[in-house]
């Protein structure tokens, strides 16, 4: 319930922050941005727990943030299909119908590629969300389930690439002057940088704790080694 409340309040805040946009673009970005925020929360809990044990109690929340982040991504997709490409599936891949030649032609290369990445991320996220249950863990077995969940980093990078295109590139085309410049460009870059920094810091801490310690020969002089404290 807390995650649902956070998702609702966050979506409303994003919606109100772009009051001058058209309704479709407001809802499209508000739901999509909140999906990114929830998935980001899911991704950041692990590194925080490794760096500071006080955050270990938050680990069970990763599942909730991830699942509802994926659900918002599905809503985001439906809004795009209904309001942007108007259920013309060729348009989602960057094609537009040209009545002069009675055929579809490639019109927006970046738009199509970014949406393909988004679709892959959506399918990937759906698999991870379906696997985020105790039943799935028992069915798959501990090692397979853990490997699947750890691949969430791949999902995160797909989301970052998909989001970055629409934040920084798509609306720079000369014929696309709406919606207005997105205020989320700098916060998004800061969020991605923060998560990468925390991941790297957690990696360094794990590496330092797991690396072999220095060893010295024992007093017996037989080449046997013992571990010394770091």
Protein backbone atom coordinates (compact mmCIF):
# COMPACT_ATOMS: atom_id res chain seq x y z
CA UNK A 1 0.00 0.00 0.00
CA UNK A 2 2.85 2.38 0.77
CA UNK A 3 4.44 1.77 -2.63
CA UNK A 4 1.09 2.27 -4.36
CA UNK A 5 0.60 5.53 -2.47
CA UNK A 6 4.10 6.68 -3.41
CA UNK A 7 3.48 5.76 -7.06
CA UNK A 8 0.19 7.68 -7.11
CA UNK A 9 1.60 10.80 -5.43
CA UNK A 10 4.72 10.75 -7.58
CA UNK A 11 2.73 10.38 -10.79
CA UNK A 12 0.49 13.27 -9.77
CA UNK A 13 3.53 15.45 -8.99
CA UNK A 14 5.07 14.68 -12.38
CA UNK A 15 1.72 15.36 -14.04
CA UNK A 16 1.33 18.77 -12.41
CA UNK A 17 4.93 19.75 -13.17
CA UNK A 18 4.12 19.83 -16.90
CA UNK A 19 0.75 21.53 -16.88
CA UNK A 20 1.48 23.32 -20.17
CA UNK A 21 1.92 20.08 -22.12
CA UNK A 22 -0.81 18.27 -24.03
CA UNK A 23 -2.74 15.69 -22.01
CA UNK A 24 -1.20 12.71 -23.78
CA UNK A 25 2.37 13.86 -23.29
CA UNK A 26 1.70 14.83 -19.67
CA UNK A 27 0.38 11.38 -18.78
CA UNK A 28 2.92 9.61 -20.96
CA UNK A 29 5.88 11.25 -19.24
CA UNK A 30 4.37 11.30 -15.73
CA UNK A 31 3.73 7.55 -15.68
CA UNK A 32 7.00 6.76 -17.46
CA UNK A 33 9.06 8.95 -15.13
CA UNK A 34 7.48 7.43 -12.02
CA UNK A 35 8.23 3.98 -13.41
CA UNK A 36 11.90 4.98 -13.73
CA UNK A 37 11.88 6.32 -10.15
CA UNK A 38 10.45 3.10 -8.70
CA UNK A 39 12.89 0.90 -10.60
CA UNK A 40 15.69 3.23 -9.45
CA UNK A 41 14.62 2.74 -5.82
CA UNK A 42 14.76 -1.01 -6.40
CA UNK A 43 18.25 -0.76 -7.88
CA UNK A 44 19.69 1.51 -5.19
CA UNK A 45 18.68 -0.54 -2.13
CA UNK A 46 21.24 -3.30 -2.80
CA UNK A 47 24.30 -1.01 -2.93
CA UNK A 48 23.08 0.97 0.09
CA UNK A 49 22.71 -2.25 2.09
CA UNK A 50 26.24 -3.31 1.18
CA UNK A 51 27.72 0.06 2.07
CA UNK A 52 25.73 0.72 5.25
CA UNK A 53 24.17 -2.22 7.17
CA UNK A 54 21.39 0.03 8.48
CA UNK A 55 19.75 -0.24 5.05
CA UNK A 56 19.56 -4.04 5.12
CA UNK A 57 16.06 -3.86 6.50
CA UNK A 58 14.97 -2.21 3.25
CA UNK A 59 16.02 -5.17 1.07
CA UNK A 60 12.50 -6.76 0.98
CA UNK A 61 11.21 -3.50 -0.55
CA UNK A 62 13.22 -4.08 -3.72
CA UNK A 63 10.60 -6.54 -4.92
CA UNK A 64 7.71 -4.13 -4.39
CA UNK A 65 9.45 -1.20 -6.07
CA UNK A 66 10.44 -3.36 -9.04
CA UNK A 67 7.01 -4.92 -9.56
CA UNK A 68 5.11 -1.64 -9.44
CA UNK A 69 7.74 0.03 -11.59
CA UNK A 70 7.05 -2.59 -14.28
CA UNK A 71 3.28 -2.16 -13.91
CA UNK A 72 3.65 1.59 -14.49
CA UNK A 73 5.80 0.81 -17.54
CA UNK A 74 2.90 -1.21 -18.98
CA UNK A 75 0.53 1.73 -18.42
CA UNK A 76 3.12 4.02 -20.03
CA UNK A 77 3.17 1.71 -23.06
CA UNK A 78 -0.62 1.68 -23.37
CA UNK A 79 -0.71 5.49 -23.30
CA UNK A 80 1.84 5.61 -26.12
CA UNK A 81 -0.06 3.03 -28.19
CA UNK A 82 -3.41 4.77 -27.74
CA UNK A 83 -2.38 8.42 -27.78
CA UNK A 84 0.89 8.73 -29.70
CA UNK A 85 0.93 6.05 -32.40
CA UNK A 86 -2.87 5.52 -32.27
CA UNK A 87 -2.60 1.72 -32.36
CA UNK A 88 -0.67 1.77 -35.63
CA UNK A 89 2.08 -0.64 -34.62
CA UNK A 90 4.28 0.31 -37.56
CA UNK A 91 4.52 3.84 -36.21
CA UNK A 92 6.00 2.63 -32.93
CA UNK A 93 8.97 1.35 -34.94
CA UNK A 94 9.47 4.70 -36.66
CA UNK A 95 7.46 4.05 -39.85
CA UNK A 96 4.80 6.33 -41.34
CA UNK A 97 2.32 5.51 -44.07
CA UNK A 98 3.01 7.36 -47.33
CA UNK A 99 -0.17 7.49 -49.46
CA UNK A 100 1.85 8.54 -52.52
CA UNK A 101 3.45 5.12 -52.74
CA UNK A 102 0.81 3.28 -50.69
CA UNK A 103 3.45 1.89 -48.32
CA UNK A 104 5.12 2.51 -44.98
CA UNK A 105 8.47 4.31 -45.02
CA UNK A 106 11.04 4.82 -42.28
CA UNK A 107 10.48 8.31 -40.90
CA UNK A 108 12.00 8.37 -37.41
CA UNK A 109 15.03 6.12 -37.03
CA UNK A 110 15.81 7.07 -33.43
CA UNK A 111 12.18 6.81 -32.36
CA UNK A 112 11.93 3.27 -33.69
CA UNK A 113 15.20 2.11 -32.14
CA UNK A 114 14.39 3.67 -28.76
CA UNK A 115 11.00 1.96 -28.75
CA UNK A 116 12.54 -1.40 -29.63
CA UNK A 117 14.83 -1.00 -26.62
CA UNK A 118 11.81 -0.02 -24.54
CA UNK A 119 9.87 -3.09 -25.66
CA UNK A 120 12.81 -5.37 -24.80
CA UNK A 121 13.03 -3.69 -21.38
CA UNK A 122 9.28 -4.14 -20.87
CA UNK A 123 9.41 -7.87 -21.66
CA UNK A 124 12.52 -8.28 -19.54
CA UNK A 125 10.88 -6.41 -16.67
CA UNK A 126 7.75 -8.55 -16.94
CA UNK A 127 9.83 -11.73 -16.64
CA UNK A 128 11.63 -10.37 -13.58
CA UNK A 129 8.36 -9.22 -12.01
CA UNK A 130 6.74 -12.63 -12.55
CA UNK A 131 9.81 -14.28 -11.03
CA UNK A 132 9.69 -12.00 -7.98
CA UNK A 133 7.74 -14.37 -5.77
CA UNK A 134 8.42 -17.12 -3.29
CA UNK A 135 6.66 -19.58 -5.61
CA UNK A 136 8.98 -18.68 -8.49
CA UNK A 137 12.00 -19.03 -6.23
CA UNK A 138 10.95 -22.55 -5.25
CA UNK A 139 10.16 -23.46 -8.86
CA UNK A 140 13.41 -22.17 -10.35
CA UNK A 141 15.68 -23.11 -7.49
CA UNK A 142 17.93 -20.78 -5.53
CA UNK A 143 20.91 -20.42 -7.95
CA UNK A 144 18.78 -19.94 -11.09
CA UNK A 145 16.42 -17.51 -9.34
CA UNK A 146 19.31 -15.49 -7.94
CA UNK A 147 21.01 -15.33 -11.36
CA UNK A 148 17.77 -14.11 -12.95
CA UNK A 149 17.25 -11.42 -10.32
CA UNK A 150 20.85 -10.22 -10.56
CA UNK A 151 20.31 -9.59 -14.27
CA UNK A 152 18.11 -6.66 -13.25
CA UNK A 153 21.16 -4.51 -14.01
CA UNK A 154 20.60 -5.28 -17.70
CA UNK A 155 17.01 -4.09 -17.34
CA UNK A 156 18.23 -0.90 -15.68
CA UNK A 157 20.60 -0.07 -18.52
CA UNK A 158 17.88 -0.68 -21.13
CA UNK A 159 15.59 1.70 -19.23
CA UNK A 160 18.33 4.33 -19.03
CA UNK A 161 18.99 4.19 -22.78
CA UNK A 162 15.29 4.30 -23.66
CA UNK A 163 14.59 7.22 -21.31
CA UNK A 164 17.69 9.16 -22.31
CA UNK A 165 16.67 9.20 -25.97
CA UNK A 166 13.32 10.85 -25.26
CA UNK A 167 14.80 13.24 -22.71
CA UNK A 168 17.75 14.48 -24.76
CA UNK A 169 17.32 13.64 -28.46
CA UNK A 170 13.85 13.04 -29.84
CA UNK A 171 12.36 16.51 -29.50
CA UNK A 172 15.42 18.26 -30.91
CA UNK A 173 14.23 17.56 -34.46
CA UNK A 174 13.27 20.73 -36.31
CA UNK A 175 9.71 19.51 -36.87
CA UNK A 176 9.18 18.48 -33.23
CA UNK A 177 8.96 21.62 -31.16
CA UNK A 178 6.41 20.20 -28.71
CA UNK A 179 6.34 19.39 -25.88
CA UNK A 180 8.46 22.06 -24.21
CA UNK A 181 11.99 21.22 -23.02
CA UNK A 182 11.82 18.62 -20.27
CA UNK A 183 12.94 19.84 -16.84
CA UNK A 184 13.80 16.24 -15.87
CA UNK A 185 16.99 16.16 -17.96
CA UNK A 186 19.36 17.23 -15.17
CA UNK A 187 17.62 15.25 -12.37
CA UNK A 188 17.66 12.12 -14.54
CA UNK A 189 21.38 12.49 -15.25
CA UNK A 190 22.03 13.03 -11.53
CA UNK A 191 19.96 9.96 -10.64
CA UNK A 192 21.83 7.72 -13.09
CA UNK A 193 25.19 9.08 -11.91
CA UNK A 194 24.23 8.48 -8.26
CA UNK A 195 23.22 4.87 -8.89
CA UNK A 196 26.41 4.16 -10.87
CA UNK A 197 28.49 5.75 -8.11
CA UNK A 198 26.78 3.69 -5.39
CA UNK A 199 27.15 0.51 -7.43
CA UNK A 200 30.84 1.19 -7.92
CA UNK A 201 31.35 1.98 -4.23
CA UNK A 202 29.55 -1.23 -3.24
CA UNK A 203 31.69 -3.18 -5.72
CA UNK A 204 34.88 -1.73 -4.21
CA UNK A 205 33.76 -2.55 -0.68
CA UNK A 206 32.85 -6.11 -1.67
CA UNK A 207 36.14 -6.55 -3.51
CA UNK A 208 38.15 -5.28 -0.53
CA UNK A 209 36.33 -7.61 1.85
CA UNK A 210 36.67 -10.69 -0.41
CA UNK A 211 40.20 -10.27 -1.76
CA UNK A 212 42.87 -12.64 -0.36
CA UNK A 213 44.64 -11.24 2.67
CA UNK A 214 48.41 -11.00 2.92
CA UNK A 215 50.05 -14.14 4.18
CA UNK A 216 53.37 -14.81 5.91
CA UNK A 217 55.26 -18.07 6.44
CA UNK A 218 54.71 -19.72 9.82
CA UNK A 219 57.43 -19.99 12.36
CA UNK A 220 57.85 -23.65 11.39
CA UNK A 221 59.48 -22.60 8.09
CA UNK A 222 57.61 -25.27 6.09
CA UNK A 223 55.99 -22.86 3.58
CA UNK A 224 52.66 -23.01 5.35
CA UNK A 225 50.85 -19.66 5.30
CA UNK A 226 48.41 -18.05 7.68
CA UNK A 227 46.18 -15.07 7.11
CA UNK A 228 47.01 -11.78 8.76
CA UNK A 229 44.41 -9.13 9.51
CA UNK A 230 44.23 -6.30 6.95
